[in-house]
Each structure stands twice: as C-alpha cells, then as structure tokens.
N, C-alpha and C. Protein backbone atom coordinates (compact mmCIF):
# COMPACT_ATOMS: atom_id res chain seq x y z
N MET A 1 10.63 -43.16 -11.77
CA MET A 1 10.23 -43.66 -13.07
C MET A 1 8.77 -44.10 -13.05
N GLU A 2 8.35 -44.72 -11.95
CA GLU A 2 6.97 -45.17 -11.85
C GLU A 2 6.00 -43.98 -11.90
N ARG A 3 6.35 -42.90 -11.22
CA ARG A 3 5.46 -41.73 -11.21
C ARG A 3 5.37 -41.12 -12.60
N ILE A 4 6.49 -41.04 -13.29
CA ILE A 4 6.47 -40.52 -14.66
C ILE A 4 5.58 -41.39 -15.53
N ASP A 5 5.73 -42.72 -15.42
CA ASP A 5 4.90 -43.65 -16.19
C ASP A 5 3.41 -43.42 -15.91
N THR A 6 3.07 -43.26 -14.64
CA THR A 6 1.66 -43.05 -14.26
C THR A 6 1.11 -41.78 -14.88
N VAL A 7 1.88 -40.72 -14.83
CA VAL A 7 1.42 -39.44 -15.40
C VAL A 7 1.23 -39.57 -16.90
N VAL A 8 2.22 -40.11 -17.58
CA VAL A 8 2.17 -40.23 -19.03
C VAL A 8 1.03 -41.16 -19.46
N GLU A 9 0.84 -42.26 -18.75
CA GLU A 9 -0.22 -43.19 -19.09
C GLU A 9 -1.60 -42.59 -18.88
N SER A 10 -1.70 -41.56 -18.05
CA SER A 10 -2.98 -40.87 -17.85
C SER A 10 -3.23 -39.83 -18.94
N GLY A 11 -2.28 -39.69 -19.86
CA GLY A 11 -2.45 -38.75 -20.97
C GLY A 11 -1.91 -37.35 -20.69
N GLU A 12 -1.18 -37.18 -19.61
CA GLU A 12 -0.64 -35.87 -19.24
C GLU A 12 0.86 -35.78 -19.55
N LYS A 13 1.36 -34.55 -19.54
CA LYS A 13 2.79 -34.30 -19.70
C LYS A 13 3.39 -33.96 -18.34
N VAL A 14 4.71 -34.22 -18.21
CA VAL A 14 5.39 -34.03 -16.94
C VAL A 14 6.73 -33.32 -17.16
N VAL A 15 7.08 -32.47 -16.20
CA VAL A 15 8.38 -31.81 -16.17
C VAL A 15 9.15 -32.36 -14.97
N VAL A 16 10.43 -32.70 -15.18
CA VAL A 16 11.28 -33.17 -14.09
C VAL A 16 12.48 -32.23 -13.98
N PHE A 17 12.70 -31.70 -12.78
CA PHE A 17 13.84 -30.82 -12.52
C PHE A 17 14.87 -31.52 -11.65
N SER A 18 16.14 -31.28 -11.97
CA SER A 18 17.26 -31.67 -11.12
C SER A 18 18.37 -30.66 -11.33
N GLN A 19 19.09 -30.35 -10.29
CA GLN A 19 20.22 -29.45 -10.46
C GLN A 19 21.45 -30.17 -11.00
N TYR A 20 21.39 -31.48 -11.09
CA TYR A 20 22.53 -32.29 -11.50
C TYR A 20 22.39 -32.74 -12.95
N VAL A 21 23.25 -32.24 -13.82
CA VAL A 21 23.18 -32.58 -15.24
C VAL A 21 23.44 -34.06 -15.45
N GLN A 22 24.30 -34.66 -14.64
CA GLN A 22 24.56 -36.09 -14.77
C GLN A 22 23.29 -36.91 -14.53
N PHE A 23 22.48 -36.47 -13.55
CA PHE A 23 21.22 -37.17 -13.30
C PHE A 23 20.29 -37.01 -14.50
N ILE A 24 20.25 -35.81 -15.06
CA ILE A 24 19.40 -35.56 -16.23
C ILE A 24 19.78 -36.50 -17.37
N LYS A 25 21.05 -36.65 -17.61
CA LYS A 25 21.51 -37.55 -18.67
C LYS A 25 21.16 -39.00 -18.38
N LEU A 26 21.32 -39.41 -17.12
CA LEU A 26 20.97 -40.77 -16.72
C LEU A 26 19.47 -41.02 -16.89
N LEU A 27 18.65 -40.08 -16.41
CA LEU A 27 17.20 -40.22 -16.55
C LEU A 27 16.81 -40.28 -18.02
N SER A 28 17.44 -39.46 -18.84
CA SER A 28 17.14 -39.45 -20.26
C SER A 28 17.37 -40.81 -20.90
N LYS A 29 18.44 -41.49 -20.49
CA LYS A 29 18.74 -42.82 -21.02
C LYS A 29 17.72 -43.86 -20.58
N LYS A 30 17.15 -43.68 -19.38
CA LYS A 30 16.23 -44.67 -18.81
C LYS A 30 14.78 -44.47 -19.24
N LEU A 31 14.43 -43.26 -19.67
CA LEU A 31 13.04 -42.97 -20.01
C LEU A 31 12.59 -43.77 -21.23
N LYS A 32 11.40 -44.35 -21.13
CA LYS A 32 10.85 -45.09 -22.26
C LYS A 32 9.85 -44.23 -23.05
N HIS A 33 9.61 -43.02 -22.56
CA HIS A 33 8.68 -42.10 -23.22
C HIS A 33 9.45 -41.06 -24.02
N LYS A 34 8.81 -40.55 -25.06
CA LYS A 34 9.44 -39.51 -25.86
C LYS A 34 9.61 -38.27 -24.99
N HIS A 35 10.82 -37.72 -24.99
CA HIS A 35 11.14 -36.62 -24.08
C HIS A 35 12.16 -35.68 -24.70
N VAL A 36 12.34 -34.54 -24.04
CA VAL A 36 13.40 -33.61 -24.38
C VAL A 36 14.22 -33.32 -23.13
N VAL A 37 15.46 -32.91 -23.36
CA VAL A 37 16.37 -32.55 -22.29
C VAL A 37 16.71 -31.07 -22.46
N PHE A 38 16.85 -30.38 -21.32
CA PHE A 38 17.12 -28.94 -21.32
C PHE A 38 18.11 -28.66 -20.19
N HIS A 39 19.31 -28.17 -20.56
CA HIS A 39 20.31 -27.84 -19.53
C HIS A 39 21.25 -26.75 -20.03
N GLY A 40 22.02 -26.20 -19.10
CA GLY A 40 22.88 -25.06 -19.39
C GLY A 40 23.99 -25.33 -20.37
N GLY A 41 24.34 -26.58 -20.62
CA GLY A 41 25.38 -26.91 -21.58
C GLY A 41 24.91 -26.86 -23.03
N MET A 42 23.61 -26.63 -23.21
CA MET A 42 23.05 -26.57 -24.56
C MET A 42 23.13 -25.13 -25.08
N ASN A 43 23.21 -24.99 -26.40
CA ASN A 43 23.18 -23.64 -26.96
C ASN A 43 21.72 -23.17 -27.05
N ALA A 44 21.54 -21.89 -27.29
CA ALA A 44 20.20 -21.29 -27.30
C ALA A 44 19.28 -21.93 -28.34
N LYS A 45 19.82 -22.28 -29.49
CA LYS A 45 19.00 -22.89 -30.54
C LYS A 45 18.47 -24.26 -30.09
N ASP A 46 19.35 -25.08 -29.52
CA ASP A 46 18.92 -26.41 -29.07
C ASP A 46 17.92 -26.32 -27.93
N LYS A 47 18.09 -25.34 -27.05
CA LYS A 47 17.13 -25.14 -25.97
C LYS A 47 15.75 -24.78 -26.54
N GLU A 48 15.74 -23.90 -27.52
CA GLU A 48 14.46 -23.49 -28.12
C GLU A 48 13.81 -24.65 -28.86
N VAL A 49 14.59 -25.46 -29.53
CA VAL A 49 14.05 -26.64 -30.22
C VAL A 49 13.41 -27.58 -29.20
N ALA A 50 14.08 -27.81 -28.08
CA ALA A 50 13.54 -28.69 -27.04
C ALA A 50 12.24 -28.13 -26.49
N ARG A 51 12.23 -26.86 -26.19
CA ARG A 51 11.04 -26.22 -25.63
C ARG A 51 9.87 -26.30 -26.61
N MET A 52 10.12 -26.00 -27.86
CA MET A 52 9.04 -26.02 -28.86
C MET A 52 8.56 -27.45 -29.14
N GLN A 53 9.46 -28.42 -29.10
CA GLN A 53 9.05 -29.81 -29.30
C GLN A 53 8.11 -30.24 -28.18
N PHE A 54 8.47 -29.91 -26.94
CA PHE A 54 7.61 -30.26 -25.81
C PHE A 54 6.26 -29.55 -25.92
N ARG A 55 6.28 -28.33 -26.35
CA ARG A 55 5.06 -27.53 -26.47
C ARG A 55 4.15 -28.05 -27.58
N ASN A 56 4.71 -28.37 -28.74
CA ASN A 56 3.90 -28.63 -29.93
C ASN A 56 3.72 -30.09 -30.30
N ASP A 57 4.57 -30.97 -29.82
CA ASP A 57 4.48 -32.38 -30.18
C ASP A 57 3.73 -33.14 -29.09
N PRO A 58 2.52 -33.61 -29.40
CA PRO A 58 1.76 -34.32 -28.37
C PRO A 58 2.42 -35.62 -27.91
N ASP A 59 3.33 -36.16 -28.69
CA ASP A 59 4.01 -37.39 -28.32
C ASP A 59 5.21 -37.15 -27.40
N THR A 60 5.71 -35.91 -27.34
CA THR A 60 6.81 -35.57 -26.43
C THR A 60 6.17 -35.22 -25.10
N VAL A 61 6.29 -36.14 -24.14
CA VAL A 61 5.51 -36.04 -22.91
C VAL A 61 6.32 -35.75 -21.65
N VAL A 62 7.65 -35.74 -21.76
CA VAL A 62 8.50 -35.48 -20.59
C VAL A 62 9.53 -34.40 -20.96
N PHE A 63 9.65 -33.42 -20.07
CA PHE A 63 10.64 -32.34 -20.21
C PHE A 63 11.58 -32.47 -19.02
N VAL A 64 12.83 -32.88 -19.27
CA VAL A 64 13.80 -33.09 -18.20
C VAL A 64 14.76 -31.91 -18.22
N SER A 65 14.84 -31.19 -17.10
CA SER A 65 15.58 -29.94 -17.09
C SER A 65 16.47 -29.76 -15.87
N SER A 66 17.58 -29.09 -16.11
CA SER A 66 18.40 -28.59 -15.00
C SER A 66 17.80 -27.25 -14.59
N ASP A 67 18.45 -26.61 -13.65
CA ASP A 67 17.94 -25.32 -13.20
C ASP A 67 18.06 -24.22 -14.26
N SER A 68 18.70 -24.51 -15.37
CA SER A 68 18.72 -23.50 -16.44
C SER A 68 17.33 -23.31 -17.04
N GLY A 69 16.42 -24.25 -16.76
CA GLY A 69 15.05 -24.11 -17.25
C GLY A 69 14.09 -23.52 -16.25
N TRP A 70 14.59 -23.06 -15.11
CA TRP A 70 13.69 -22.57 -14.07
C TRP A 70 13.35 -21.10 -14.19
N TYR A 71 13.94 -20.42 -15.16
CA TYR A 71 13.62 -19.00 -15.32
C TYR A 71 13.34 -18.71 -16.79
N GLY A 72 12.18 -18.17 -17.06
CA GLY A 72 11.85 -17.74 -18.40
C GLY A 72 11.38 -18.83 -19.34
N VAL A 73 11.16 -20.03 -18.84
CA VAL A 73 10.68 -21.13 -19.68
C VAL A 73 9.29 -21.50 -19.20
N ASP A 74 8.29 -21.19 -19.99
CA ASP A 74 6.91 -21.51 -19.62
C ASP A 74 6.53 -22.86 -20.20
N LEU A 75 5.99 -23.73 -19.35
CA LEU A 75 5.63 -25.08 -19.75
C LEU A 75 4.21 -25.43 -19.31
N PRO A 76 3.23 -24.63 -19.71
CA PRO A 76 1.86 -24.87 -19.25
C PRO A 76 1.22 -26.12 -19.85
N GLN A 77 1.94 -26.79 -20.75
CA GLN A 77 1.41 -28.03 -21.34
C GLN A 77 1.45 -29.17 -20.33
N ALA A 78 2.31 -29.05 -19.30
CA ALA A 78 2.45 -30.11 -18.30
C ALA A 78 1.51 -29.87 -17.14
N SER A 79 1.01 -30.95 -16.58
CA SER A 79 0.16 -30.85 -15.39
C SER A 79 0.88 -31.30 -14.12
N VAL A 80 2.07 -31.91 -14.29
CA VAL A 80 2.84 -32.41 -13.15
C VAL A 80 4.28 -31.93 -13.28
N LEU A 81 4.82 -31.44 -12.16
CA LEU A 81 6.23 -31.07 -12.08
C LEU A 81 6.83 -31.84 -10.92
N ILE A 82 7.92 -32.55 -11.19
CA ILE A 82 8.60 -33.34 -10.17
C ILE A 82 9.97 -32.72 -9.92
N ASN A 83 10.22 -32.33 -8.68
CA ASN A 83 11.54 -31.84 -8.27
C ASN A 83 12.30 -33.03 -7.73
N TYR A 84 13.26 -33.53 -8.52
CA TYR A 84 14.04 -34.69 -8.07
C TYR A 84 14.92 -34.32 -6.88
N ASP A 85 15.41 -33.10 -6.89
CA ASP A 85 16.15 -32.55 -5.77
C ASP A 85 15.68 -31.11 -5.59
N LEU A 86 16.01 -30.54 -4.45
CA LEU A 86 15.49 -29.21 -4.13
C LEU A 86 16.57 -28.15 -4.17
N PRO A 87 16.21 -26.96 -4.66
CA PRO A 87 17.15 -25.85 -4.56
C PRO A 87 17.25 -25.39 -3.11
N TRP A 88 18.28 -24.59 -2.82
CA TRP A 88 18.54 -24.16 -1.46
C TRP A 88 17.74 -22.95 -1.03
N SER A 89 16.98 -22.37 -1.93
CA SER A 89 16.20 -21.19 -1.54
C SER A 89 14.75 -21.36 -1.95
N ALA A 90 13.88 -20.75 -1.17
CA ALA A 90 12.45 -20.80 -1.46
C ALA A 90 12.16 -20.11 -2.79
N GLY A 91 12.88 -19.03 -3.07
CA GLY A 91 12.68 -18.30 -4.32
C GLY A 91 13.01 -19.14 -5.54
N ALA A 92 14.10 -19.89 -5.46
CA ALA A 92 14.48 -20.77 -6.56
C ALA A 92 13.45 -21.89 -6.74
N ALA A 93 12.96 -22.42 -5.62
CA ALA A 93 11.92 -23.46 -5.69
C ALA A 93 10.66 -22.88 -6.34
N ASP A 94 10.30 -21.66 -5.96
CA ASP A 94 9.14 -21.02 -6.56
C ASP A 94 9.32 -20.83 -8.06
N GLN A 95 10.52 -20.45 -8.48
CA GLN A 95 10.79 -20.27 -9.90
C GLN A 95 10.61 -21.58 -10.66
N ARG A 96 11.15 -22.66 -10.12
CA ARG A 96 10.97 -23.96 -10.76
C ARG A 96 9.48 -24.29 -10.89
N ASN A 97 8.79 -24.21 -9.76
CA ASN A 97 7.39 -24.62 -9.73
C ASN A 97 6.50 -23.76 -10.61
N ALA A 98 6.89 -22.53 -10.81
CA ALA A 98 6.08 -21.62 -11.62
C ALA A 98 6.15 -21.95 -13.11
N ARG A 99 7.00 -22.87 -13.52
CA ARG A 99 7.10 -23.22 -14.93
C ARG A 99 5.79 -23.80 -15.45
N ILE A 100 5.05 -24.53 -14.60
CA ILE A 100 3.77 -25.08 -15.06
C ILE A 100 2.59 -24.35 -14.43
N ASP A 101 2.85 -23.58 -13.40
CA ASP A 101 1.79 -22.84 -12.72
C ASP A 101 1.65 -21.47 -13.39
N ARG A 102 1.00 -21.46 -14.55
CA ARG A 102 0.88 -20.27 -15.38
C ARG A 102 -0.59 -19.95 -15.62
N MET A 103 -0.85 -18.69 -15.90
CA MET A 103 -2.22 -18.30 -16.25
C MET A 103 -2.67 -19.02 -17.52
N SER A 104 -1.72 -19.36 -18.37
CA SER A 104 -2.05 -20.01 -19.64
C SER A 104 -2.13 -21.53 -19.55
N THR A 105 -2.12 -22.07 -18.33
CA THR A 105 -2.16 -23.52 -18.20
C THR A 105 -3.40 -24.09 -18.88
N GLU A 106 -3.23 -25.28 -19.37
CA GLU A 106 -4.32 -25.96 -20.05
C GLU A 106 -5.04 -26.93 -19.13
N HIS A 107 -4.71 -26.91 -17.84
CA HIS A 107 -5.19 -27.92 -16.91
C HIS A 107 -6.01 -27.32 -15.78
N GLU A 108 -7.03 -28.07 -15.36
CA GLU A 108 -7.84 -27.64 -14.22
C GLU A 108 -7.02 -27.67 -12.93
N LYS A 109 -6.17 -28.69 -12.81
CA LYS A 109 -5.31 -28.83 -11.64
C LYS A 109 -3.88 -29.12 -12.10
N ILE A 110 -2.93 -28.63 -11.31
CA ILE A 110 -1.54 -28.98 -11.54
C ILE A 110 -0.99 -29.58 -10.24
N TYR A 111 0.08 -30.35 -10.37
CA TYR A 111 0.66 -31.02 -9.22
C TYR A 111 2.16 -30.78 -9.18
N ILE A 112 2.64 -30.33 -8.04
CA ILE A 112 4.07 -30.13 -7.80
C ILE A 112 4.48 -31.19 -6.79
N GLU A 113 5.46 -32.00 -7.14
CA GLU A 113 5.88 -33.09 -6.27
C GLU A 113 7.38 -33.00 -6.03
N ASP A 114 7.78 -33.13 -4.78
CA ASP A 114 9.18 -33.11 -4.38
C ASP A 114 9.59 -34.51 -3.96
N VAL A 115 10.70 -35.01 -4.50
CA VAL A 115 11.23 -36.31 -4.10
C VAL A 115 12.11 -36.08 -2.87
N ILE A 116 11.64 -36.56 -1.72
CA ILE A 116 12.37 -36.36 -0.47
C ILE A 116 12.39 -37.68 0.29
N VAL A 117 13.58 -38.16 0.58
CA VAL A 117 13.75 -39.37 1.37
C VAL A 117 13.86 -38.95 2.84
N THR A 118 12.99 -39.49 3.66
CA THR A 118 12.99 -39.14 5.08
C THR A 118 14.36 -39.42 5.70
N GLY A 119 14.85 -38.44 6.46
CA GLY A 119 16.12 -38.57 7.14
C GLY A 119 17.34 -38.30 6.26
N SER A 120 17.12 -37.87 5.03
CA SER A 120 18.23 -37.63 4.11
C SER A 120 18.64 -36.17 4.10
N VAL A 121 19.68 -35.87 3.34
CA VAL A 121 20.09 -34.48 3.14
C VAL A 121 18.95 -33.69 2.49
N GLU A 122 18.24 -34.32 1.59
CA GLU A 122 17.11 -33.65 0.94
C GLU A 122 16.04 -33.26 1.96
N GLN A 123 15.81 -34.10 2.95
CA GLN A 123 14.86 -33.76 4.01
C GLN A 123 15.35 -32.55 4.78
N TRP A 124 16.62 -32.51 5.09
CA TRP A 124 17.22 -31.39 5.80
C TRP A 124 17.08 -30.11 4.98
N ILE A 125 17.39 -30.19 3.67
CA ILE A 125 17.26 -29.02 2.80
C ILE A 125 15.80 -28.57 2.75
N ALA A 126 14.87 -29.50 2.59
CA ALA A 126 13.45 -29.15 2.54
C ALA A 126 13.02 -28.44 3.82
N ASP A 127 13.47 -28.94 4.96
CA ASP A 127 13.13 -28.31 6.24
C ASP A 127 13.68 -26.88 6.30
N LYS A 128 14.91 -26.68 5.87
CA LYS A 128 15.53 -25.35 5.90
C LYS A 128 14.82 -24.40 4.93
N VAL A 129 14.52 -24.87 3.74
CA VAL A 129 13.83 -24.02 2.76
C VAL A 129 12.44 -23.64 3.27
N ASN A 130 11.73 -24.61 3.84
CA ASN A 130 10.40 -24.32 4.38
C ASN A 130 10.48 -23.33 5.53
N ASN A 131 11.50 -23.46 6.35
CA ASN A 131 11.67 -22.53 7.45
C ASN A 131 11.96 -21.13 6.94
N LYS A 132 12.82 -21.02 5.94
CA LYS A 132 13.11 -19.71 5.33
C LYS A 132 11.83 -19.09 4.77
N ARG A 133 11.02 -19.93 4.14
CA ARG A 133 9.75 -19.44 3.57
C ARG A 133 8.84 -18.93 4.68
N GLU A 134 8.75 -19.65 5.78
CA GLU A 134 7.91 -19.23 6.91
C GLU A 134 8.37 -17.89 7.48
N VAL A 135 9.67 -17.71 7.62
CA VAL A 135 10.20 -16.45 8.14
C VAL A 135 9.86 -15.32 7.17
N GLY A 136 10.10 -15.53 5.90
CA GLY A 136 9.78 -14.51 4.91
C GLY A 136 8.30 -14.18 4.87
N ASP A 137 7.47 -15.21 4.93
CA ASP A 137 6.02 -14.99 4.94
C ASP A 137 5.59 -14.22 6.17
N ALA A 138 6.19 -14.54 7.31
CA ALA A 138 5.84 -13.84 8.55
C ALA A 138 6.16 -12.36 8.43
N ILE A 139 7.30 -12.06 7.86
CA ILE A 139 7.68 -10.66 7.68
C ILE A 139 6.76 -9.98 6.68
N MET A 140 6.49 -10.64 5.56
CA MET A 140 5.65 -10.04 4.51
C MET A 140 4.19 -9.93 4.94
N ASP A 141 3.69 -10.88 5.69
CA ASP A 141 2.29 -10.89 6.10
C ASP A 141 2.04 -10.13 7.39
N GLY A 142 3.11 -9.67 8.05
CA GLY A 142 2.95 -8.92 9.29
C GLY A 142 2.81 -9.79 10.51
N LYS A 143 2.93 -11.08 10.35
CA LYS A 143 2.88 -11.97 11.51
C LYS A 143 4.24 -11.93 12.19
N GLY A 144 4.25 -11.94 13.49
CA GLY A 144 5.51 -11.91 14.21
C GLY A 144 6.07 -10.52 14.40
N VAL A 145 5.22 -9.50 14.21
CA VAL A 145 5.68 -8.12 14.42
C VAL A 145 5.07 -7.58 15.70
N ASP A 146 5.72 -6.55 16.27
CA ASP A 146 5.19 -5.96 17.49
C ASP A 146 4.12 -4.92 17.16
N ALA A 147 3.60 -4.23 18.18
CA ALA A 147 2.52 -3.27 18.00
C ALA A 147 2.91 -2.11 17.09
N ASP A 148 4.20 -1.82 17.00
CA ASP A 148 4.67 -0.73 16.13
C ASP A 148 5.00 -1.21 14.72
N GLY A 149 4.75 -2.50 14.44
CA GLY A 149 5.00 -3.03 13.11
C GLY A 149 6.43 -3.46 12.87
N ARG A 150 7.21 -3.61 13.92
CA ARG A 150 8.61 -4.03 13.78
C ARG A 150 8.74 -5.52 14.02
N VAL A 151 9.67 -6.13 13.28
CA VAL A 151 9.97 -7.54 13.48
C VAL A 151 10.92 -7.64 14.66
N ASN A 152 10.63 -8.55 15.56
CA ASN A 152 11.49 -8.75 16.72
C ASN A 152 12.75 -9.47 16.27
N ALA A 153 13.80 -8.72 16.02
CA ALA A 153 15.05 -9.29 15.54
C ALA A 153 16.18 -8.98 16.50
N SER A 154 15.93 -9.18 17.78
CA SER A 154 16.98 -8.96 18.78
C SER A 154 17.99 -10.10 18.71
N THR A 155 19.09 -9.91 19.35
CA THR A 155 20.11 -10.96 19.41
C THR A 155 19.51 -12.22 20.01
N GLU A 156 18.69 -12.06 21.05
CA GLU A 156 18.09 -13.22 21.70
C GLU A 156 17.12 -13.95 20.77
N SER A 157 16.28 -13.19 20.05
CA SER A 157 15.31 -13.85 19.18
C SER A 157 16.01 -14.54 18.01
N LEU A 158 17.06 -13.93 17.47
CA LEU A 158 17.79 -14.55 16.37
C LEU A 158 18.55 -15.79 16.86
N THR A 159 19.12 -15.72 18.05
CA THR A 159 19.80 -16.89 18.61
C THR A 159 18.81 -18.03 18.84
N ALA A 160 17.64 -17.70 19.37
CA ALA A 160 16.61 -18.71 19.59
C ALA A 160 16.18 -19.31 18.26
N PHE A 161 16.02 -18.48 17.24
CA PHE A 161 15.63 -18.96 15.90
C PHE A 161 16.68 -19.92 15.35
N ILE A 162 17.95 -19.53 15.45
CA ILE A 162 19.04 -20.39 14.94
C ILE A 162 19.10 -21.69 15.73
N ASP A 163 19.00 -21.59 17.06
CA ASP A 163 19.05 -22.80 17.88
C ASP A 163 17.91 -23.75 17.57
N SER A 164 16.73 -23.21 17.28
CA SER A 164 15.57 -24.06 17.01
C SER A 164 15.67 -24.72 15.65
N ASN A 165 16.58 -24.24 14.80
CA ASN A 165 16.72 -24.79 13.45
C ASN A 165 18.07 -25.44 13.23
N ALA A 166 18.80 -25.67 14.31
CA ALA A 166 20.12 -26.30 14.20
C ALA A 166 19.98 -27.73 13.74
N VAL A 167 21.02 -28.21 13.11
CA VAL A 167 21.02 -29.59 12.59
C VAL A 167 21.01 -30.57 13.74
C-alpha cells in the first residue's frame, strides 16, 4: 500500500497484478485512490469499461488485475507495475510486465517491481522462474552449446542441472 501511495502521490499511475482474485478484492477495498479492477469473473463489457476508465480518466490511478489482464491489455498510461505474486513461468511474467512496457508508453522510464519475501514460497518461485529464463536464454543466445552448436543435454548434465536447483 505504501508503494502504491508513493507512486500515485508522484503523479503516476500504477498497475498491480495478482493471480488471486480474493487478494484483488481485498486490495480494492483497502485502496484510498480511485482505481479499477480487472479479472476473469467480469464480462467483456465490464472489462472494457475498466480498461477505458484507467486509460482516459486522469483520476483513476490504479489498475488492479488478475492474470486475465496479462494478455492483450495495453496499459502504457502506467509507469509502475507491481507483481504482488509471481507466475510460474518466465513467459507469463513477461506477458504481465509487457502491459506497461509498450512502444506507445508515455513515460521516459518504467518500473517493474516484484513483491518477494526472502525465504518464502515466492522467493523459491522467483528463483525457479529466473533459472528457467537463464536456461532458455542460454539456448536462444547460443551460450552453453558445444562447437557443433548443440546444447549439452546428456543425462549427466540434466541430472547436475536438476540437483543444482533442488529445493
């Protein structure tokens, strides 16, 4: 709540994502700023009304969304995106974060912030997602390949990879 207050008081808009609709409803009740809610339980008309209100109303400064807003919803009016919890895949995280990271952004800088409590399940998820991203990047960027361009995916290398990432 303090971070949302700081962003809004600086004159910026903020997007908050959570995969938990109950959290979205709770946050909505606690927010003192004008906001909209966006989740999968809403019909298409209500979702569009929420999106357009956030886009066009300068007083609507917070967009609180479930993961139903992580695909196809552009929110370049916001300069800050807060992930209250993290999705289990790097691709899903990228989709969420891309909601404000658009060519049409109105901001010189944008900020993506993840709420992670050290030593928590969220920390474990963040570590796993980051590791998945590193593996994917290594394959896509050609890092970790042999002279013939092959990824070393032997039983031994995969076992070592799994062991190094065990809980």
